[in-house]
Amino acid sequence: MAKCVFETPLGKIEAMADEEGLCSLDFDENASVSDEENAHLTQLQSELREYFEGKRKTFDVRLNPKGTPFQMAVWRTLCDIPYGNVISYSQEAQMLSHAKAVRAVANANGKNPLPIIIPCHRVIAKNGGIGGYSGGIWRKEFMLELERKNR
């Protein structure tokens, strides 16, 4: 498992990847900068730079997140939300054909190991409120505004 820590407009990000793909991405202001060799991490840094410059709307880096079958289904659904758009947690549950599982879907979103790349920030409350974000509401607001400006 290779690890890389780098600076972004959202603060320090620690990313981990194995031979199969990107496994995790965490916001960690206390992480010490490191740069281990891994093709997925190199690609991630380039793609994130383009994303924050408003030039990238989708990510091509290969993913290898770990989770339950339900979590994996939720995370795949998140990847279907187009850049610059938002949906509610209940709409996400409906997309999964689990309309009554709104809380379970929201919980799986909160356990997303690859924020930004798997865009859980594009899910908001049904009443139009921002909802939650494990990386901090200000980061969610930043990404939503970035995407709104660069649609």
N, C-alpha and C. Protein backbone atom coordinates (compact mmCIF):
# COMPACT_ATOMS: atom_id res chain seq x y z
N MET A 1 0.85 -1.18 0.00
CA MET A 1 0.00 0.00 0.00
C MET A 1 0.90 1.24 0.00
N ALA A 2 0.69 2.10 -0.96
CA ALA A 2 1.47 3.34 -1.05
C ALA A 2 0.62 4.50 -0.54
N LYS A 3 1.31 5.49 0.05
CA LYS A 3 0.63 6.65 0.63
C LYS A 3 1.24 7.91 0.05
N CYS A 4 0.37 8.90 -0.14
CA CYS A 4 0.82 10.20 -0.62
C CYS A 4 0.02 11.27 0.11
N VAL A 5 0.68 12.31 0.57
CA VAL A 5 0.01 13.44 1.21
C VAL A 5 0.35 14.68 0.39
N PHE A 6 -0.68 15.45 0.02
CA PHE A 6 -0.43 16.65 -0.75
C PHE A 6 -1.42 17.74 -0.41
N GLU A 7 -1.06 18.95 -0.75
CA GLU A 7 -1.89 20.13 -0.47
C GLU A 7 -2.91 20.34 -1.58
N THR A 8 -4.11 20.77 -1.18
CA THR A 8 -5.17 21.13 -2.12
C THR A 8 -5.86 22.37 -1.57
N PRO A 9 -6.75 22.98 -2.34
CA PRO A 9 -7.53 24.09 -1.80
C PRO A 9 -8.40 23.69 -0.60
N LEU A 10 -8.59 22.39 -0.40
CA LEU A 10 -9.37 21.90 0.73
C LEU A 10 -8.49 21.49 1.90
N GLY A 11 -7.20 21.76 1.82
CA GLY A 11 -6.26 21.38 2.86
C GLY A 11 -5.50 20.14 2.45
N LYS A 12 -4.76 19.58 3.40
CA LYS A 12 -3.97 18.38 3.12
C LYS A 12 -4.87 17.18 2.90
N ILE A 13 -4.50 16.41 1.90
CA ILE A 13 -5.20 15.17 1.59
C ILE A 13 -4.19 14.03 1.67
N GLU A 14 -4.58 12.98 2.39
CA GLU A 14 -3.78 11.77 2.44
C GLU A 14 -4.48 10.72 1.60
N ALA A 15 -3.79 10.21 0.60
CA ALA A 15 -4.37 9.21 -0.29
C ALA A 15 -3.56 7.92 -0.19
N MET A 16 -4.27 6.80 -0.28
CA MET A 16 -3.62 5.49 -0.25
C MET A 16 -4.11 4.68 -1.43
N ALA A 17 -3.18 3.95 -2.04
CA ALA A 17 -3.52 3.10 -3.18
C ALA A 17 -2.72 1.82 -3.12
N ASP A 18 -3.31 0.78 -3.68
CA ASP A 18 -2.58 -0.48 -3.84
C ASP A 18 -2.40 -0.72 -5.33
N GLU A 19 -2.00 -1.90 -5.69
CA GLU A 19 -1.78 -2.22 -7.11
C GLU A 19 -3.05 -2.11 -7.93
N GLU A 20 -4.21 -2.35 -7.30
CA GLU A 20 -5.48 -2.38 -8.01
C GLU A 20 -6.09 -1.00 -8.24
N GLY A 21 -5.77 -0.04 -7.37
CA GLY A 21 -6.35 1.29 -7.52
C GLY A 21 -6.34 2.09 -6.23
N LEU A 22 -6.99 3.22 -6.29
CA LEU A 22 -7.09 4.14 -5.16
C LEU A 22 -8.01 3.54 -4.10
N CYS A 23 -7.53 3.46 -2.86
CA CYS A 23 -8.29 2.82 -1.77
C CYS A 23 -8.93 3.83 -0.82
N SER A 24 -8.22 4.91 -0.51
CA SER A 24 -8.77 5.88 0.43
C SER A 24 -8.21 7.26 0.16
N LEU A 25 -8.98 8.23 0.59
CA LEU A 25 -8.61 9.64 0.48
C LEU A 25 -9.19 10.31 1.71
N ASP A 26 -8.33 10.93 2.52
CA ASP A 26 -8.77 11.55 3.77
C ASP A 26 -8.26 12.97 3.86
N PHE A 27 -9.09 13.84 4.41
CA PHE A 27 -8.66 15.19 4.75
C PHE A 27 -7.94 15.08 6.09
N ASP A 28 -6.66 15.47 6.13
CA ASP A 28 -5.90 15.33 7.35
C ASP A 28 -4.87 16.44 7.46
N GLU A 29 -5.22 17.47 8.19
CA GLU A 29 -4.34 18.63 8.34
C GLU A 29 -3.05 18.31 9.08
N ASN A 30 -3.01 17.20 9.82
CA ASN A 30 -1.83 16.84 10.60
C ASN A 30 -0.90 15.87 9.87
N ALA A 31 -1.30 15.43 8.69
CA ALA A 31 -0.47 14.48 7.96
C ALA A 31 0.81 15.15 7.49
N SER A 32 1.89 14.40 7.57
CA SER A 32 3.15 14.94 7.06
C SER A 32 3.25 14.58 5.58
N VAL A 33 3.77 15.52 4.81
CA VAL A 33 3.83 15.35 3.37
C VAL A 33 4.73 14.16 3.04
N SER A 34 4.21 13.31 2.19
CA SER A 34 4.99 12.17 1.72
C SER A 34 4.59 11.92 0.27
N ASP A 35 5.45 11.25 -0.44
CA ASP A 35 5.18 10.99 -1.85
C ASP A 35 5.80 9.64 -2.20
N GLU A 36 5.01 8.59 -2.10
CA GLU A 36 5.49 7.25 -2.44
C GLU A 36 5.11 6.96 -3.89
N GLU A 37 5.89 6.18 -4.53
CA GLU A 37 5.67 5.84 -5.94
C GLU A 37 4.48 4.90 -6.09
N ASN A 38 3.51 5.34 -6.88
CA ASN A 38 2.36 4.51 -7.23
C ASN A 38 1.67 5.22 -8.39
N ALA A 39 1.44 4.52 -9.47
CA ALA A 39 0.84 5.14 -10.66
C ALA A 39 -0.53 5.73 -10.37
N HIS A 40 -1.32 5.08 -9.51
CA HIS A 40 -2.66 5.58 -9.19
C HIS A 40 -2.58 6.90 -8.42
N LEU A 41 -1.62 6.99 -7.51
CA LEU A 41 -1.46 8.23 -6.74
C LEU A 41 -0.96 9.37 -7.61
N THR A 42 -0.06 9.07 -8.53
CA THR A 42 0.41 10.08 -9.47
C THR A 42 -0.74 10.59 -10.33
N GLN A 43 -1.55 9.67 -10.83
CA GLN A 43 -2.71 10.05 -11.64
C GLN A 43 -3.71 10.86 -10.82
N LEU A 44 -3.94 10.44 -9.57
CA LEU A 44 -4.87 11.16 -8.70
C LEU A 44 -4.43 12.61 -8.52
N GLN A 45 -3.16 12.84 -8.23
CA GLN A 45 -2.68 14.21 -8.02
C GLN A 45 -2.94 15.07 -9.24
N SER A 46 -2.67 14.53 -10.40
CA SER A 46 -2.89 15.27 -11.64
C SER A 46 -4.37 15.57 -11.85
N GLU A 47 -5.21 14.56 -11.65
CA GLU A 47 -6.65 14.73 -11.86
C GLU A 47 -7.26 15.68 -10.84
N LEU A 48 -6.81 15.62 -9.58
CA LEU A 48 -7.33 16.56 -8.58
C LEU A 48 -6.92 17.99 -8.90
N ARG A 49 -5.70 18.17 -9.36
CA ARG A 49 -5.25 19.51 -9.74
C ARG A 49 -6.17 20.06 -10.84
N GLU A 50 -6.47 19.25 -11.84
CA GLU A 50 -7.36 19.66 -12.93
C GLU A 50 -8.77 19.94 -12.41
N TYR A 51 -9.25 19.11 -11.48
CA TYR A 51 -10.58 19.31 -10.89
C TYR A 51 -10.64 20.68 -10.21
N PHE A 52 -9.66 20.99 -9.38
CA PHE A 52 -9.68 22.25 -8.65
C PHE A 52 -9.45 23.46 -9.56
N GLU A 53 -8.86 23.23 -10.73
CA GLU A 53 -8.72 24.30 -11.73
C GLU A 53 -9.99 24.46 -12.56
N GLY A 54 -10.99 23.60 -12.33
CA GLY A 54 -12.24 23.65 -13.08
C GLY A 54 -12.15 23.02 -14.45
N LYS A 55 -11.11 22.24 -14.70
CA LYS A 55 -10.89 21.64 -16.02
C LYS A 55 -11.33 20.18 -16.10
N ARG A 56 -11.58 19.54 -14.97
CA ARG A 56 -11.94 18.11 -14.96
C ARG A 56 -13.29 17.94 -14.30
N LYS A 57 -14.17 17.21 -14.98
CA LYS A 57 -15.52 16.97 -14.46
C LYS A 57 -15.73 15.52 -14.03
N THR A 58 -14.90 14.62 -14.51
CA THR A 58 -14.95 13.21 -14.11
C THR A 58 -13.53 12.74 -13.83
N PHE A 59 -13.43 11.69 -13.05
CA PHE A 59 -12.13 11.13 -12.68
C PHE A 59 -11.94 9.79 -13.38
N ASP A 60 -10.73 9.55 -13.84
CA ASP A 60 -10.41 8.31 -14.54
C ASP A 60 -9.54 7.36 -13.73
N VAL A 61 -8.99 7.85 -12.62
CA VAL A 61 -8.13 7.01 -11.79
C VAL A 61 -8.90 5.76 -11.37
N ARG A 62 -8.24 4.62 -11.41
CA ARG A 62 -8.91 3.37 -11.04
C ARG A 62 -9.13 3.34 -9.53
N LEU A 63 -10.31 2.89 -9.14
CA LEU A 63 -10.71 2.89 -7.73
C LEU A 63 -10.71 1.47 -7.18
N ASN A 64 -10.37 1.37 -5.88
CA ASN A 64 -10.41 0.09 -5.19
C ASN A 64 -10.85 0.29 -3.74
N PRO A 65 -12.04 0.89 -3.55
CA PRO A 65 -12.52 1.11 -2.17
C PRO A 65 -12.96 -0.21 -1.54
N LYS A 66 -12.93 -0.24 -0.21
CA LYS A 66 -13.36 -1.42 0.53
C LYS A 66 -14.64 -1.07 1.29
N GLY A 67 -15.65 -1.93 1.19
CA GLY A 67 -16.90 -1.71 1.90
C GLY A 67 -17.82 -2.90 1.76
N THR A 68 -18.96 -2.81 2.42
CA THR A 68 -19.97 -3.87 2.30
C THR A 68 -20.59 -3.80 0.91
N PRO A 69 -21.28 -4.85 0.49
CA PRO A 69 -21.95 -4.80 -0.81
C PRO A 69 -22.93 -3.61 -0.91
N PHE A 70 -23.65 -3.31 0.18
CA PHE A 70 -24.57 -2.18 0.16
C PHE A 70 -23.80 -0.87 0.00
N GLN A 71 -22.73 -0.69 0.76
CA GLN A 71 -21.94 0.53 0.65
C GLN A 71 -21.38 0.69 -0.77
N MET A 72 -20.89 -0.40 -1.33
CA MET A 72 -20.34 -0.34 -2.69
C MET A 72 -21.42 0.08 -3.68
N ALA A 73 -22.64 -0.42 -3.51
CA ALA A 73 -23.74 -0.03 -4.40
C ALA A 73 -24.06 1.46 -4.25
N VAL A 74 -24.07 1.94 -3.02
CA VAL A 74 -24.31 3.37 -2.76
C VAL A 74 -23.22 4.20 -3.43
N TRP A 75 -21.98 3.80 -3.27
CA TRP A 75 -20.87 4.57 -3.83
C TRP A 75 -20.90 4.57 -5.36
N ARG A 76 -21.31 3.45 -5.97
CA ARG A 76 -21.45 3.41 -7.43
C ARG A 76 -22.54 4.38 -7.87
N THR A 77 -23.62 4.45 -7.11
CA THR A 77 -24.72 5.36 -7.43
C THR A 77 -24.25 6.81 -7.36
N LEU A 78 -23.43 7.14 -6.38
CA LEU A 78 -22.92 8.50 -6.26
C LEU A 78 -22.17 8.91 -7.53
N CYS A 79 -21.49 7.97 -8.14
CA CYS A 79 -20.71 8.27 -9.35
C CYS A 79 -21.60 8.59 -10.55
N ASP A 80 -22.90 8.31 -10.43
CA ASP A 80 -23.84 8.61 -11.51
C ASP A 80 -24.41 10.03 -11.43
N ILE A 81 -24.10 10.76 -10.36
CA ILE A 81 -24.60 12.13 -10.22
C ILE A 81 -23.70 13.03 -11.07
N PRO A 82 -24.26 13.69 -12.07
CA PRO A 82 -23.42 14.50 -12.95
C PRO A 82 -22.77 15.68 -12.24
N TYR A 83 -21.60 16.04 -12.71
CA TYR A 83 -20.85 17.20 -12.24
C TYR A 83 -21.76 18.43 -12.22
N GLY A 84 -21.72 19.16 -11.13
CA GLY A 84 -22.50 20.40 -11.03
C GLY A 84 -23.95 20.21 -10.64
N ASN A 85 -24.39 18.98 -10.48
CA ASN A 85 -25.77 18.69 -10.08
C ASN A 85 -25.80 18.20 -8.64
N VAL A 86 -26.96 18.30 -8.02
CA VAL A 86 -27.17 17.76 -6.69
C VAL A 86 -28.46 16.96 -6.68
N ILE A 87 -28.51 15.99 -5.79
CA ILE A 87 -29.74 15.23 -5.54
C ILE A 87 -29.92 15.15 -4.03
N SER A 88 -31.10 14.74 -3.61
CA SER A 88 -31.36 14.56 -2.18
C SER A 88 -31.02 13.13 -1.78
N TYR A 89 -30.88 12.92 -0.48
CA TYR A 89 -30.63 11.58 0.03
C TYR A 89 -31.78 10.65 -0.36
N SER A 90 -33.01 11.15 -0.35
CA SER A 90 -34.14 10.30 -0.72
C SER A 90 -34.10 9.96 -2.22
N GLN A 91 -33.68 10.90 -3.06
CA GLN A 91 -33.53 10.59 -4.48
C GLN A 91 -32.44 9.54 -4.69
N GLU A 92 -31.38 9.64 -3.93
CA GLU A 92 -30.31 8.66 -4.03
C GLU A 92 -30.83 7.27 -3.64
N ALA A 93 -31.61 7.21 -2.56
CA ALA A 93 -32.19 5.93 -2.13
C ALA A 93 -33.10 5.36 -3.23
N GLN A 94 -33.86 6.22 -3.88
CA GLN A 94 -34.72 5.77 -4.98
C GLN A 94 -33.89 5.25 -6.16
N MET A 95 -32.79 5.92 -6.46
CA MET A 95 -31.91 5.46 -7.54
C MET A 95 -31.38 4.05 -7.28
N LEU A 96 -31.22 3.73 -5.99
CA LEU A 96 -30.73 2.41 -5.58
C LEU A 96 -31.85 1.38 -5.50
N SER A 97 -33.08 1.81 -5.74
CA SER A 97 -34.26 0.95 -5.58
C SER A 97 -34.45 0.54 -4.12
N HIS A 98 -34.07 1.43 -3.21
CA HIS A 98 -34.25 1.25 -1.76
C HIS A 98 -34.85 2.53 -1.19
N ALA A 99 -36.01 2.91 -1.69
CA ALA A 99 -36.61 4.21 -1.35
C ALA A 99 -36.77 4.44 0.14
N LYS A 100 -36.96 3.40 0.92
CA LYS A 100 -37.17 3.56 2.36
C LYS A 100 -35.86 3.53 3.16
N ALA A 101 -34.75 3.35 2.49
CA ALA A 101 -33.46 3.20 3.16
C ALA A 101 -32.66 4.50 3.17
N VAL A 102 -33.34 5.63 3.32
CA VAL A 102 -32.67 6.93 3.25
C VAL A 102 -31.56 7.04 4.30
N ARG A 103 -31.84 6.64 5.52
CA ARG A 103 -30.82 6.74 6.57
C ARG A 103 -29.63 5.83 6.29
N ALA A 104 -29.89 4.63 5.81
CA ALA A 104 -28.80 3.71 5.49
C ALA A 104 -27.95 4.26 4.35
N VAL A 105 -28.61 4.87 3.38
CA VAL A 105 -27.89 5.48 2.26
C VAL A 105 -27.03 6.64 2.77
N ALA A 106 -27.60 7.49 3.60
CA ALA A 106 -26.85 8.62 4.16
C ALA A 106 -25.66 8.12 4.98
N ASN A 107 -25.87 7.05 5.74
CA ASN A 107 -24.78 6.47 6.53
C ASN A 107 -23.66 5.95 5.63
N ALA A 108 -24.03 5.28 4.55
CA ALA A 108 -23.03 4.78 3.60
C ALA A 108 -22.28 5.95 2.95
N ASN A 109 -22.99 7.03 2.64
CA ASN A 109 -22.32 8.22 2.10
C ASN A 109 -21.26 8.71 3.07
N GLY A 110 -21.59 8.73 4.36
CA GLY A 110 -20.67 9.19 5.38
C GLY A 110 -19.44 8.32 5.53
N LYS A 111 -19.53 7.08 5.07
CA LYS A 111 -18.39 6.15 5.14
C LYS A 111 -17.63 6.07 3.81
N ASN A 112 -17.98 6.93 2.87
CA ASN A 112 -17.31 6.97 1.58
C ASN A 112 -15.80 7.15 1.78
N PRO A 113 -14.99 6.17 1.35
CA PRO A 113 -13.55 6.27 1.56
C PRO A 113 -12.84 7.15 0.53
N LEU A 114 -13.57 7.61 -0.48
CA LEU A 114 -12.95 8.38 -1.56
C LEU A 114 -13.73 9.67 -1.85
N PRO A 115 -13.86 10.55 -0.83
CA PRO A 115 -14.58 11.80 -1.10
C PRO A 115 -13.92 12.55 -2.26
N ILE A 116 -14.66 13.39 -2.88
CA ILE A 116 -14.32 14.13 -4.10
C ILE A 116 -14.42 13.20 -5.30
N ILE A 117 -13.66 12.10 -5.29
CA ILE A 117 -13.64 11.18 -6.42
C ILE A 117 -14.98 10.46 -6.54
N ILE A 118 -15.48 9.94 -5.43
CA ILE A 118 -16.85 9.41 -5.36
C ILE A 118 -17.65 10.56 -4.74
N PRO A 119 -18.41 11.29 -5.55
CA PRO A 119 -18.92 12.62 -5.17
C PRO A 119 -20.11 12.66 -4.22
N CYS A 120 -19.89 12.24 -2.97
CA CYS A 120 -20.96 12.31 -1.98
C CYS A 120 -21.31 13.76 -1.64
N HIS A 121 -20.44 14.71 -2.00
CA HIS A 121 -20.74 16.12 -1.75
C HIS A 121 -21.91 16.61 -2.60
N ARG A 122 -22.30 15.85 -3.61
CA ARG A 122 -23.42 16.24 -4.48
C ARG A 122 -24.78 15.82 -3.93
N VAL A 123 -24.81 15.30 -2.72
CA VAL A 123 -26.08 14.89 -2.10
C VAL A 123 -26.40 15.89 -0.99
N ILE A 124 -27.62 16.43 -1.07
CA ILE A 124 -28.06 17.43 -0.10
C ILE A 124 -29.36 16.98 0.55
N ALA A 125 -29.82 17.74 1.53
CA ALA A 125 -31.08 17.43 2.21
C ALA A 125 -32.26 17.67 1.28
N LYS A 126 -33.35 16.97 1.53
CA LYS A 126 -34.55 17.08 0.70
C LYS A 126 -35.11 18.51 0.69
N ASN A 127 -34.92 19.24 1.80
CA ASN A 127 -35.45 20.60 1.88
C ASN A 127 -34.53 21.63 1.21
N GLY A 128 -33.45 21.14 0.56
CA GLY A 128 -32.53 22.04 -0.12
C GLY A 128 -31.36 22.46 0.74
N GLY A 129 -31.38 22.09 2.03
CA GLY A 129 -30.25 22.41 2.91
C GLY A 129 -29.01 21.62 2.50
N ILE A 130 -27.88 22.06 2.97
CA ILE A 130 -26.60 21.48 2.57
C ILE A 130 -26.43 20.04 3.03
N GLY A 131 -27.07 19.64 4.12
CA GLY A 131 -26.90 18.29 4.64
C GLY A 131 -25.56 18.18 5.35
N GLY A 132 -25.10 16.97 5.56
CA GLY A 132 -23.84 16.76 6.26
C GLY A 132 -22.70 16.47 5.30
N TYR A 133 -21.49 16.47 5.87
CA TYR A 133 -20.31 16.09 5.10
C TYR A 133 -19.21 15.76 6.10
N SER A 134 -18.71 14.54 6.04
CA SER A 134 -17.74 14.10 7.04
C SER A 134 -16.43 14.89 6.95
N GLY A 135 -16.14 15.49 5.82
CA GLY A 135 -14.92 16.29 5.68
C GLY A 135 -15.09 17.73 6.10
N GLY A 136 -16.29 18.10 6.56
CA GLY A 136 -16.56 19.48 6.95
C GLY A 136 -17.46 20.17 5.94
N ILE A 137 -18.47 20.84 6.44
CA ILE A 137 -19.45 21.50 5.57
C ILE A 137 -18.78 22.50 4.63
N TRP A 138 -17.76 23.22 5.13
CA TRP A 138 -17.12 24.23 4.27
C TRP A 138 -16.49 23.58 3.05
N ARG A 139 -16.00 22.36 3.16
CA ARG A 139 -15.43 21.67 1.99
C ARG A 139 -16.53 21.31 1.00
N LYS A 140 -17.65 20.84 1.51
CA LYS A 140 -18.78 20.50 0.64
C LYS A 140 -19.25 21.75 -0.09
N GLU A 141 -19.40 22.84 0.62
CA GLU A 141 -19.84 24.10 0.00
C GLU A 141 -18.83 24.56 -1.05
N PHE A 142 -17.54 24.42 -0.76
CA PHE A 142 -16.49 24.81 -1.71
C PHE A 142 -16.64 24.02 -3.02
N MET A 143 -16.78 22.69 -2.91
CA MET A 143 -16.88 21.86 -4.11
C MET A 143 -18.16 22.12 -4.89
N LEU A 144 -19.28 22.30 -4.18
CA LEU A 144 -20.53 22.59 -4.88
C LEU A 144 -20.44 23.91 -5.64
N GLU A 145 -19.82 24.91 -5.03
CA GLU A 145 -19.66 26.21 -5.70
C GLU A 145 -18.68 26.09 -6.88
N LEU A 146 -17.58 25.37 -6.70
CA LEU A 146 -16.63 25.15 -7.78
C LEU A 146 -17.32 24.51 -8.99
N GLU A 147 -18.11 23.49 -8.73
CA GLU A 147 -18.80 22.79 -9.81
C GLU A 147 -19.90 23.65 -10.43
N ARG A 148 -20.58 24.43 -9.61
CA ARG A 148 -21.63 25.31 -10.14
C ARG A 148 -21.02 26.33 -11.12
N LYS A 149 -19.86 26.88 -10.74
CA LYS A 149 -19.20 27.89 -11.58
C LYS A 149 -18.65 27.31 -12.89
N ASN A 150 -18.26 26.05 -12.88
CA ASN A 150 -17.57 25.46 -14.02
C ASN A 150 -18.39 24.44 -14.80
N ARG A 151 -19.70 24.47 -14.61
CA ARG A 151 -20.57 23.49 -15.30
C ARG A 151 -20.35 23.46 -16.77
